[in-house]
Amino acid sequence: MPVDLRLRPPDRFQVVCGFRRVAALRLLKRERILARVHTDLNEEDALQIALADLLESRPADRDQLKVLREQLREQGRLSAGAAETLERAISPLDDELAPELVDGPDEEVDLDELAQDAIGRMASLNQDLALVVEFWTALEPGLREALLEQLSYSEQLVAYLRGLR
């Protein structure tokens, strides 16, 4: 399993998750480690990755998660996304973390049909985005930033998918 690193220009890296793996390899006097390097990872996204790793890697102790949430709040680092992630992990098991129930029988999804549906929805979205672009400067700065952030996820997905060709 690679560790996740965040580039800290000009030539430094910050461990986002995988601290114990790094410590173990240092103990073994290893000089190299397999890593995923995130070049444009902001503070909030780095925190989300670290929280996801924390919650996936071991059972969540609710009291420790509450302490972590309070520490992040005091440090001014508790974003809306991090607060929601921690709240879901802290909530009772029969609440938000329970699997979603779907009425009716299980439905098989054809991958080609799913792809065709996604293409249609993306075409419609692209038409909407073309309208937004015409009035970009009139948009509230917060909305412009949120839209750019969502588009950056798509940009990263496109780069990843092109690498799979």
N, C-alpha and C. Protein backbone atom coordinates (compact mmCIF):
# COMPACT_ATOMS: atom_id res chain seq x y z
N MET A 1 0.85 -1.18 0.00
CA MET A 1 0.00 0.00 0.00
C MET A 1 0.89 1.25 0.00
N PRO A 2 0.70 2.11 -0.98
CA PRO A 2 1.50 3.34 -1.00
C PRO A 2 1.01 4.32 0.06
N VAL A 3 1.90 5.18 0.49
CA VAL A 3 1.52 6.28 1.37
C VAL A 3 1.08 7.43 0.48
N ASP A 4 0.31 8.35 1.03
CA ASP A 4 -0.12 9.52 0.29
C ASP A 4 0.71 10.71 0.75
N LEU A 5 1.32 11.39 -0.22
CA LEU A 5 2.15 12.55 0.06
C LEU A 5 1.57 13.77 -0.64
N ARG A 6 1.79 14.92 -0.03
CA ARG A 6 1.37 16.17 -0.64
C ARG A 6 2.62 16.99 -0.91
N LEU A 7 2.73 17.49 -2.14
CA LEU A 7 3.88 18.30 -2.52
C LEU A 7 3.83 19.63 -1.78
N ARG A 8 4.93 19.98 -1.15
CA ARG A 8 5.09 21.27 -0.47
C ARG A 8 6.24 21.98 -1.17
N PRO A 9 5.91 22.82 -2.17
CA PRO A 9 6.95 23.44 -2.99
C PRO A 9 8.02 24.13 -2.15
N PRO A 10 9.25 24.17 -2.61
CA PRO A 10 9.66 23.73 -3.93
C PRO A 10 10.00 22.24 -4.00
N ASP A 11 10.51 21.65 -2.92
CA ASP A 11 10.98 20.26 -3.04
C ASP A 11 10.75 19.44 -1.77
N ARG A 12 9.69 19.75 -1.04
CA ARG A 12 9.38 19.03 0.19
C ARG A 12 8.06 18.28 0.03
N PHE A 13 7.85 17.29 0.89
CA PHE A 13 6.62 16.52 0.86
C PHE A 13 6.06 16.39 2.26
N GLN A 14 4.75 16.36 2.37
CA GLN A 14 4.06 16.18 3.64
C GLN A 14 3.31 14.85 3.58
N VAL A 15 3.47 14.03 4.60
CA VAL A 15 2.74 12.76 4.65
C VAL A 15 1.29 13.09 4.99
N VAL A 16 0.36 12.65 4.13
CA VAL A 16 -1.06 12.87 4.36
C VAL A 16 -1.62 11.66 5.11
N CYS A 17 -1.27 10.47 4.66
CA CYS A 17 -1.62 9.25 5.40
C CYS A 17 -0.59 8.18 5.09
N GLY A 18 -0.39 7.33 6.07
CA GLY A 18 0.63 6.30 5.95
C GLY A 18 1.78 6.52 6.92
N PHE A 19 1.52 7.28 7.98
CA PHE A 19 2.55 7.62 8.95
C PHE A 19 3.21 6.38 9.56
N ARG A 20 2.38 5.38 9.90
CA ARG A 20 2.94 4.17 10.52
C ARG A 20 3.80 3.38 9.54
N ARG A 21 3.40 3.36 8.26
CA ARG A 21 4.21 2.68 7.25
C ARG A 21 5.56 3.38 7.08
N VAL A 22 5.54 4.70 7.07
CA VAL A 22 6.79 5.46 6.96
C VAL A 22 7.68 5.18 8.17
N ALA A 23 7.10 5.18 9.37
CA ALA A 23 7.88 4.93 10.59
C ALA A 23 8.47 3.52 10.57
N ALA A 24 7.68 2.55 10.13
CA ALA A 24 8.16 1.16 10.08
C ALA A 24 9.32 1.04 9.10
N LEU A 25 9.21 1.68 7.95
CA LEU A 25 10.29 1.59 6.96
C LEU A 25 11.54 2.33 7.43
N ARG A 26 11.35 3.42 8.16
CA ARG A 26 12.53 4.10 8.74
C ARG A 26 13.22 3.18 9.74
N LEU A 27 12.42 2.48 10.54
CA LEU A 27 12.97 1.55 11.52
C LEU A 27 13.77 0.46 10.83
N LEU A 28 13.30 0.05 9.66
CA LEU A 28 13.99 -0.98 8.88
C LEU A 28 15.13 -0.39 8.04
N LYS A 29 15.35 0.92 8.18
CA LYS A 29 16.41 1.64 7.48
C LYS A 29 16.25 1.57 5.96
N ARG A 30 15.00 1.60 5.53
CA ARG A 30 14.72 1.63 4.09
C ARG A 30 14.81 3.07 3.61
N GLU A 31 15.30 3.24 2.41
CA GLU A 31 15.47 4.58 1.87
C GLU A 31 14.36 4.95 0.88
N ARG A 32 13.60 3.97 0.43
CA ARG A 32 12.56 4.22 -0.56
C ARG A 32 11.23 3.69 -0.06
N ILE A 33 10.16 4.34 -0.55
CA ILE A 33 8.82 3.92 -0.19
C ILE A 33 7.90 4.19 -1.38
N LEU A 34 6.95 3.32 -1.58
CA LEU A 34 5.97 3.51 -2.62
C LEU A 34 5.00 4.59 -2.17
N ALA A 35 4.79 5.60 -3.00
CA ALA A 35 3.95 6.73 -2.59
C ALA A 35 3.11 7.24 -3.75
N ARG A 36 1.94 7.76 -3.40
CA ARG A 36 1.11 8.52 -4.33
C ARG A 36 1.38 9.98 -3.99
N VAL A 37 1.83 10.73 -4.97
CA VAL A 37 2.15 12.15 -4.74
C VAL A 37 1.03 13.00 -5.33
N HIS A 38 0.44 13.81 -4.48
CA HIS A 38 -0.61 14.73 -4.88
C HIS A 38 0.02 16.12 -5.04
N THR A 39 0.06 16.62 -6.27
CA THR A 39 0.75 17.89 -6.51
C THR A 39 -0.11 19.11 -6.21
N ASP A 40 -1.43 18.98 -6.32
CA ASP A 40 -2.32 20.13 -6.11
C ASP A 40 -3.37 19.84 -5.04
N LEU A 41 -2.95 19.29 -3.93
CA LEU A 41 -3.88 18.89 -2.88
C LEU A 41 -3.96 20.01 -1.85
N ASN A 42 -5.15 20.60 -1.70
CA ASN A 42 -5.28 21.67 -0.72
C ASN A 42 -5.43 21.08 0.69
N GLU A 43 -5.41 21.95 1.68
CA GLU A 43 -5.45 21.54 3.09
C GLU A 43 -6.71 20.73 3.41
N GLU A 44 -7.86 21.18 2.92
CA GLU A 44 -9.12 20.50 3.20
C GLU A 44 -9.16 19.11 2.60
N ASP A 45 -8.72 18.98 1.35
CA ASP A 45 -8.72 17.67 0.70
C ASP A 45 -7.73 16.72 1.37
N ALA A 46 -6.58 17.25 1.80
CA ALA A 46 -5.61 16.42 2.51
C ALA A 46 -6.20 15.89 3.81
N LEU A 47 -6.93 16.74 4.51
CA LEU A 47 -7.59 16.31 5.74
C LEU A 47 -8.63 15.24 5.46
N GLN A 48 -9.40 15.39 4.38
CA GLN A 48 -10.41 14.40 4.03
C GLN A 48 -9.77 13.04 3.72
N ILE A 49 -8.65 13.05 3.01
CA ILE A 49 -7.94 11.79 2.70
C ILE A 49 -7.44 11.15 3.99
N ALA A 50 -6.87 11.97 4.88
CA ALA A 50 -6.36 11.44 6.15
C ALA A 50 -7.49 10.86 6.99
N LEU A 51 -8.64 11.55 7.03
CA LEU A 51 -9.79 11.04 7.79
C LEU A 51 -10.31 9.73 7.20
N ALA A 52 -10.39 9.67 5.88
CA ALA A 52 -10.85 8.44 5.23
C ALA A 52 -9.92 7.28 5.56
N ASP A 53 -8.62 7.54 5.52
CA ASP A 53 -7.65 6.49 5.85
C ASP A 53 -7.79 6.06 7.31
N LEU A 54 -7.96 7.03 8.20
CA LEU A 54 -8.13 6.73 9.61
C LEU A 54 -9.36 5.86 9.85
N LEU A 55 -10.46 6.22 9.23
CA LEU A 55 -11.71 5.50 9.46
C LEU A 55 -11.74 4.13 8.79
N GLU A 56 -11.00 3.96 7.70
CA GLU A 56 -10.96 2.67 7.02
C GLU A 56 -9.98 1.70 7.66
N SER A 57 -8.93 2.23 8.27
CA SER A 57 -7.84 1.37 8.72
C SER A 57 -8.08 0.69 10.06
N ARG A 58 -8.93 1.25 10.89
CA ARG A 58 -9.18 0.63 12.20
C ARG A 58 -10.56 1.05 12.71
N PRO A 59 -11.10 0.28 13.63
CA PRO A 59 -12.42 0.63 14.17
C PRO A 59 -12.38 2.03 14.80
N ALA A 60 -13.42 2.78 14.54
CA ALA A 60 -13.47 4.16 15.05
C ALA A 60 -13.95 4.16 16.49
N ASP A 61 -13.16 4.75 17.37
CA ASP A 61 -13.55 4.95 18.75
C ASP A 61 -14.25 6.31 18.81
N ARG A 62 -15.53 6.30 19.12
CA ARG A 62 -16.32 7.54 19.07
C ARG A 62 -15.75 8.65 19.95
N ASP A 63 -15.28 8.29 21.15
CA ASP A 63 -14.74 9.32 22.05
C ASP A 63 -13.49 9.97 21.44
N GLN A 64 -12.62 9.16 20.84
CA GLN A 64 -11.43 9.71 20.20
C GLN A 64 -11.80 10.59 19.01
N LEU A 65 -12.82 10.18 18.26
CA LEU A 65 -13.25 10.99 17.13
C LEU A 65 -13.85 12.31 17.58
N LYS A 66 -14.55 12.30 18.71
CA LYS A 66 -15.09 13.55 19.26
C LYS A 66 -13.95 14.49 19.67
N VAL A 67 -12.91 13.91 20.28
CA VAL A 67 -11.74 14.71 20.67
C VAL A 67 -11.07 15.29 19.43
N LEU A 68 -10.90 14.46 18.40
CA LEU A 68 -10.30 14.92 17.15
C LEU A 68 -11.11 16.06 16.54
N ARG A 69 -12.43 15.90 16.51
CA ARG A 69 -13.31 16.94 15.96
C ARG A 69 -13.12 18.25 16.71
N GLU A 70 -13.04 18.17 18.05
CA GLU A 70 -12.86 19.37 18.86
C GLU A 70 -11.49 20.02 18.62
N GLN A 71 -10.45 19.18 18.49
CA GLN A 71 -9.10 19.71 18.20
C GLN A 71 -9.08 20.43 16.86
N LEU A 72 -9.70 19.82 15.85
CA LEU A 72 -9.74 20.46 14.53
C LEU A 72 -10.53 21.77 14.58
N ARG A 73 -11.61 21.79 15.36
CA ARG A 73 -12.42 23.01 15.50
C ARG A 73 -11.58 24.11 16.16
N GLU A 74 -10.87 23.76 17.22
CA GLU A 74 -10.04 24.74 17.94
C GLU A 74 -8.91 25.28 17.05
N GLN A 75 -8.38 24.44 16.17
CA GLN A 75 -7.30 24.85 15.26
C GLN A 75 -7.82 25.59 14.04
N GLY A 76 -9.14 25.67 13.90
CA GLY A 76 -9.73 26.32 12.74
C GLY A 76 -9.60 25.50 11.46
N ARG A 77 -9.44 24.20 11.60
CA ARG A 77 -9.24 23.32 10.44
C ARG A 77 -10.45 22.42 10.17
N LEU A 78 -11.54 22.61 10.91
CA LEU A 78 -12.72 21.76 10.75
C LEU A 78 -13.59 22.32 9.64
N SER A 79 -13.37 21.81 8.43
CA SER A 79 -14.17 22.22 7.27
C SER A 79 -15.53 21.54 7.35
N ALA A 80 -16.43 21.98 6.50
CA ALA A 80 -17.76 21.37 6.46
C ALA A 80 -17.66 19.89 6.10
N GLY A 81 -16.80 19.56 5.14
CA GLY A 81 -16.64 18.17 4.73
C GLY A 81 -16.08 17.30 5.84
N ALA A 82 -15.07 17.80 6.53
CA ALA A 82 -14.47 17.04 7.63
C ALA A 82 -15.47 16.88 8.77
N ALA A 83 -16.24 17.94 9.06
CA ALA A 83 -17.24 17.87 10.12
C ALA A 83 -18.29 16.81 9.79
N GLU A 84 -18.72 16.77 8.53
CA GLU A 84 -19.73 15.79 8.12
C GLU A 84 -19.17 14.37 8.20
N THR A 85 -17.93 14.17 7.76
CA THR A 85 -17.30 12.85 7.83
C THR A 85 -17.21 12.37 9.27
N LEU A 86 -16.75 13.25 10.16
CA LEU A 86 -16.62 12.87 11.57
C LEU A 86 -17.99 12.64 12.20
N GLU A 87 -18.97 13.47 11.85
CA GLU A 87 -20.31 13.30 12.42
C GLU A 87 -20.91 11.96 12.02
N ARG A 88 -20.70 11.57 10.77
CA ARG A 88 -21.21 10.26 10.32
C ARG A 88 -20.53 9.12 11.06
N ALA A 89 -19.23 9.26 11.29
CA ALA A 89 -18.48 8.20 11.99
C ALA A 89 -18.87 8.13 13.46
N ILE A 90 -19.23 9.27 14.04
CA ILE A 90 -19.58 9.33 15.46
C ILE A 90 -21.03 8.90 15.69
N SER A 91 -21.89 9.11 14.69
CA SER A 91 -23.32 8.84 14.85
C SER A 91 -23.56 7.37 15.15
N PRO A 92 -24.69 7.06 15.77
CA PRO A 92 -25.01 5.65 16.08
C PRO A 92 -25.04 4.81 14.80
N LEU A 93 -24.67 3.55 14.93
CA LEU A 93 -24.60 2.66 13.78
C LEU A 93 -25.92 2.51 13.05
N ASP A 94 -27.04 2.60 13.77
CA ASP A 94 -28.32 2.43 13.11
C ASP A 94 -28.77 3.69 12.39
N ASP A 95 -27.91 4.71 12.39
CA ASP A 95 -28.29 5.98 11.79
C ASP A 95 -27.71 6.11 10.39
N GLU A 96 -26.87 7.08 10.16
CA GLU A 96 -26.42 7.45 8.83
C GLU A 96 -25.47 6.44 8.19
N LEU A 97 -24.76 5.65 8.98
CA LEU A 97 -23.80 4.73 8.39
C LEU A 97 -24.43 3.41 7.96
N ALA A 98 -25.69 3.23 8.25
CA ALA A 98 -26.35 1.99 7.85
C ALA A 98 -26.48 1.94 6.34
N PRO A 99 -26.44 0.75 5.76
CA PRO A 99 -26.60 0.64 4.31
C PRO A 99 -27.96 1.20 3.89
N GLU A 100 -27.98 1.80 2.72
CA GLU A 100 -29.23 2.32 2.20
C GLU A 100 -30.11 1.16 1.76
N LEU A 101 -31.38 1.26 2.05
CA LEU A 101 -32.33 0.24 1.63
C LEU A 101 -33.05 0.74 0.39
N VAL A 102 -33.17 -0.13 -0.58
CA VAL A 102 -33.84 0.22 -1.82
C VAL A 102 -35.10 -0.62 -1.90
N ASP A 103 -36.22 0.06 -2.17
CA ASP A 103 -37.48 -0.67 -2.30
C ASP A 103 -37.47 -1.48 -3.60
N GLY A 104 -38.06 -2.62 -3.55
CA GLY A 104 -38.17 -3.45 -4.75
C GLY A 104 -37.01 -4.40 -4.90
N PRO A 105 -37.09 -5.24 -5.93
CA PRO A 105 -36.03 -6.24 -6.14
C PRO A 105 -34.73 -5.58 -6.61
N ASP A 106 -33.62 -6.29 -6.37
CA ASP A 106 -32.33 -5.80 -6.85
C ASP A 106 -32.39 -5.66 -8.36
N GLU A 107 -31.82 -4.60 -8.85
CA GLU A 107 -31.84 -4.35 -10.28
C GLU A 107 -30.42 -4.45 -10.82
N GLU A 108 -30.27 -5.24 -11.86
CA GLU A 108 -28.97 -5.35 -12.51
C GLU A 108 -28.79 -4.17 -13.43
N VAL A 109 -27.59 -3.60 -13.44
CA VAL A 109 -27.32 -2.45 -14.29
C VAL A 109 -26.35 -2.88 -15.37
N ASP A 110 -26.70 -2.61 -16.60
CA ASP A 110 -25.84 -2.90 -17.73
C ASP A 110 -24.80 -1.79 -17.83
N LEU A 111 -23.53 -2.14 -17.88
CA LEU A 111 -22.46 -1.16 -17.89
C LEU A 111 -22.54 -0.23 -19.10
N ASP A 112 -22.87 -0.79 -20.26
CA ASP A 112 -22.99 0.04 -21.46
C ASP A 112 -24.14 1.04 -21.32
N GLU A 113 -25.26 0.60 -20.75
CA GLU A 113 -26.40 1.50 -20.54
C GLU A 113 -26.03 2.60 -19.55
N LEU A 114 -25.32 2.22 -18.50
CA LEU A 114 -24.88 3.21 -17.51
C LEU A 114 -23.97 4.25 -18.16
N ALA A 115 -23.05 3.80 -19.00
CA ALA A 115 -22.15 4.72 -19.68
C ALA A 115 -22.92 5.64 -20.61
N GLN A 116 -23.89 5.09 -21.36
CA GLN A 116 -24.71 5.91 -22.25
C GLN A 116 -25.49 6.96 -21.47
N ASP A 117 -26.05 6.56 -20.33
CA ASP A 117 -26.79 7.49 -19.48
C ASP A 117 -25.87 8.60 -18.97
N ALA A 118 -24.67 8.23 -18.55
CA ALA A 118 -23.70 9.23 -18.05
C ALA A 118 -23.32 10.20 -19.17
N ILE A 119 -23.15 9.68 -20.39
CA ILE A 119 -22.81 10.54 -21.53
C ILE A 119 -23.91 11.57 -21.76
N GLY A 120 -25.16 11.13 -21.72
CA GLY A 120 -26.28 12.05 -21.91
C GLY A 120 -26.35 13.11 -20.83
N ARG A 121 -26.17 12.69 -19.56
CA ARG A 121 -26.21 13.67 -18.46
C ARG A 121 -25.05 14.64 -18.55
N MET A 122 -23.87 14.14 -18.95
CA MET A 122 -22.71 15.03 -19.07
C MET A 122 -22.89 16.02 -20.21
N ALA A 123 -23.52 15.60 -21.31
CA ALA A 123 -23.78 16.50 -22.43
C ALA A 123 -24.71 17.63 -21.98
N SER A 124 -25.72 17.27 -21.21
CA SER A 124 -26.65 18.28 -20.69
C SER A 124 -25.92 19.23 -19.73
N LEU A 125 -25.08 18.67 -18.88
CA LEU A 125 -24.31 19.50 -17.95
C LEU A 125 -23.37 20.43 -18.70
N ASN A 126 -22.74 19.93 -19.76
CA ASN A 126 -21.84 20.78 -20.55
C ASN A 126 -22.58 21.94 -21.18
N GLN A 127 -23.83 21.73 -21.60
CA GLN A 127 -24.64 22.82 -22.14
C GLN A 127 -24.90 23.87 -21.06
N ASP A 128 -25.21 23.41 -19.84
CA ASP A 128 -25.43 24.34 -18.73
C ASP A 128 -24.15 25.11 -18.41
N LEU A 129 -23.03 24.41 -18.42
CA LEU A 129 -21.75 25.07 -18.13
C LEU A 129 -21.42 26.12 -19.19
N ALA A 130 -21.78 25.84 -20.44
CA ALA A 130 -21.54 26.82 -21.50
C ALA A 130 -22.30 28.12 -21.22
N LEU A 131 -23.50 28.01 -20.68
CA LEU A 131 -24.26 29.21 -20.31
C LEU A 131 -23.61 29.94 -19.14
N VAL A 132 -23.13 29.18 -18.17
CA VAL A 132 -22.48 29.78 -17.00
C VAL A 132 -21.24 30.54 -17.42
N VAL A 133 -20.49 30.00 -18.36
CA VAL A 133 -19.25 30.63 -18.81
C VAL A 133 -19.53 32.02 -19.39
N GLU A 134 -20.66 32.15 -20.09
CA GLU A 134 -21.00 33.45 -20.68
C GLU A 134 -21.14 34.54 -19.62
N PHE A 135 -21.55 34.16 -18.41
CA PHE A 135 -21.79 35.13 -17.35
C PHE A 135 -20.86 34.91 -16.15
N TRP A 136 -19.69 34.35 -16.42
CA TRP A 136 -18.74 33.97 -15.37
C TRP A 136 -18.43 35.13 -14.42
N THR A 137 -18.13 36.27 -14.95
CA THR A 137 -17.72 37.40 -14.10
C THR A 137 -18.87 37.91 -13.23
N ALA A 138 -20.12 37.61 -13.60
CA ALA A 138 -21.27 38.06 -12.82
C ALA A 138 -21.56 37.11 -11.64
N LEU A 139 -20.94 35.94 -11.67
CA LEU A 139 -21.17 34.97 -10.59
C LEU A 139 -20.52 35.43 -9.30
N GLU A 140 -21.14 35.07 -8.20
CA GLU A 140 -20.56 35.32 -6.88
C GLU A 140 -19.23 34.57 -6.78
N PRO A 141 -18.18 35.19 -6.23
CA PRO A 141 -16.86 34.53 -6.16
C PRO A 141 -16.89 33.16 -5.49
N GLY A 142 -17.72 32.99 -4.47
CA GLY A 142 -17.80 31.68 -3.81
C GLY A 142 -18.34 30.61 -4.72
N LEU A 143 -19.32 30.98 -5.56
CA LEU A 143 -19.87 30.02 -6.52
C LEU A 143 -18.85 29.68 -7.60
N ARG A 144 -18.08 30.69 -8.02
CA ARG A 144 -17.04 30.41 -9.03
C ARG A 144 -16.03 29.43 -8.47
N GLU A 145 -15.60 29.64 -7.23
CA GLU A 145 -14.62 28.75 -6.61
C GLU A 145 -15.18 27.33 -6.46
N ALA A 146 -16.43 27.22 -6.03
CA ALA A 146 -17.04 25.90 -5.85
C ALA A 146 -17.15 25.18 -7.20
N LEU A 147 -17.51 25.91 -8.23
CA LEU A 147 -17.62 25.32 -9.56
C LEU A 147 -16.25 24.87 -10.07
N LEU A 148 -15.24 25.70 -9.86
CA LEU A 148 -13.89 25.33 -10.28
C LEU A 148 -13.39 24.10 -9.52
N GLU A 149 -13.73 24.02 -8.25
CA GLU A 149 -13.32 22.86 -7.46
C GLU A 149 -13.96 21.58 -8.01
N GLN A 150 -15.26 21.64 -8.32
CA GLN A 150 -15.93 20.47 -8.87
C GLN A 150 -15.35 20.10 -10.23
N LEU A 151 -15.04 21.10 -11.04
CA LEU A 151 -14.44 20.83 -12.34
C LEU A 151 -13.04 20.23 -12.21
N SER A 152 -12.32 20.61 -11.15
CA SER A 152 -10.98 20.04 -10.97
C SER A 152 -11.05 18.55 -10.69
N TYR A 153 -12.11 18.09 -10.00
CA TYR A 153 -12.27 16.66 -9.78
C TYR A 153 -12.46 15.95 -11.11
N SER A 154 -13.27 16.55 -11.99
CA SER A 154 -13.48 15.96 -13.31
C SER A 154 -12.18 15.93 -14.10
N GLU A 155 -11.41 17.00 -13.98
CA GLU A 155 -10.13 17.08 -14.68
C GLU A 155 -9.19 15.96 -14.23
N GLN A 156 -9.15 15.72 -12.92
CA GLN A 156 -8.31 14.65 -12.38
C GLN A 156 -8.80 13.28 -12.84
N LEU A 157 -10.12 13.10 -12.90
CA LEU A 157 -10.68 11.83 -13.35
C LEU A 157 -10.34 11.59 -14.82
N VAL A 158 -10.42 12.62 -15.63
CA VAL A 158 -10.09 12.49 -17.06
C VAL A 158 -8.62 12.07 -17.21
N ALA A 159 -7.73 12.72 -16.48
CA ALA A 159 -6.30 12.37 -16.55
C ALA A 159 -6.09 10.92 -16.12
N TYR A 160 -6.77 10.50 -15.08
CA TYR A 160 -6.64 9.12 -14.61
C TYR A 160 -7.14 8.14 -15.67
N LEU A 161 -8.31 8.41 -16.22
CA LEU A 161 -8.88 7.50 -17.23
C LEU A 161 -8.03 7.45 -18.48
N ARG A 162 -7.44 8.58 -18.89
CA ARG A 162 -6.55 8.56 -20.05
C ARG A 162 -5.33 7.70 -19.79
N GLY A 163 -4.88 7.66 -18.55
CA GLY A 163 -3.73 6.83 -18.18
C GLY A 163 -4.06 5.34 -18.22
N LEU A 164 -5.33 5.00 -18.17
CA LEU A 164 -5.74 3.58 -18.20
C LEU A 164 -5.85 3.02 -19.61
N ARG A 165 -5.80 3.88 -20.60
CA ARG A 165 -5.98 3.43 -22.00
C ARG A 165 -5.06 2.33 -22.33
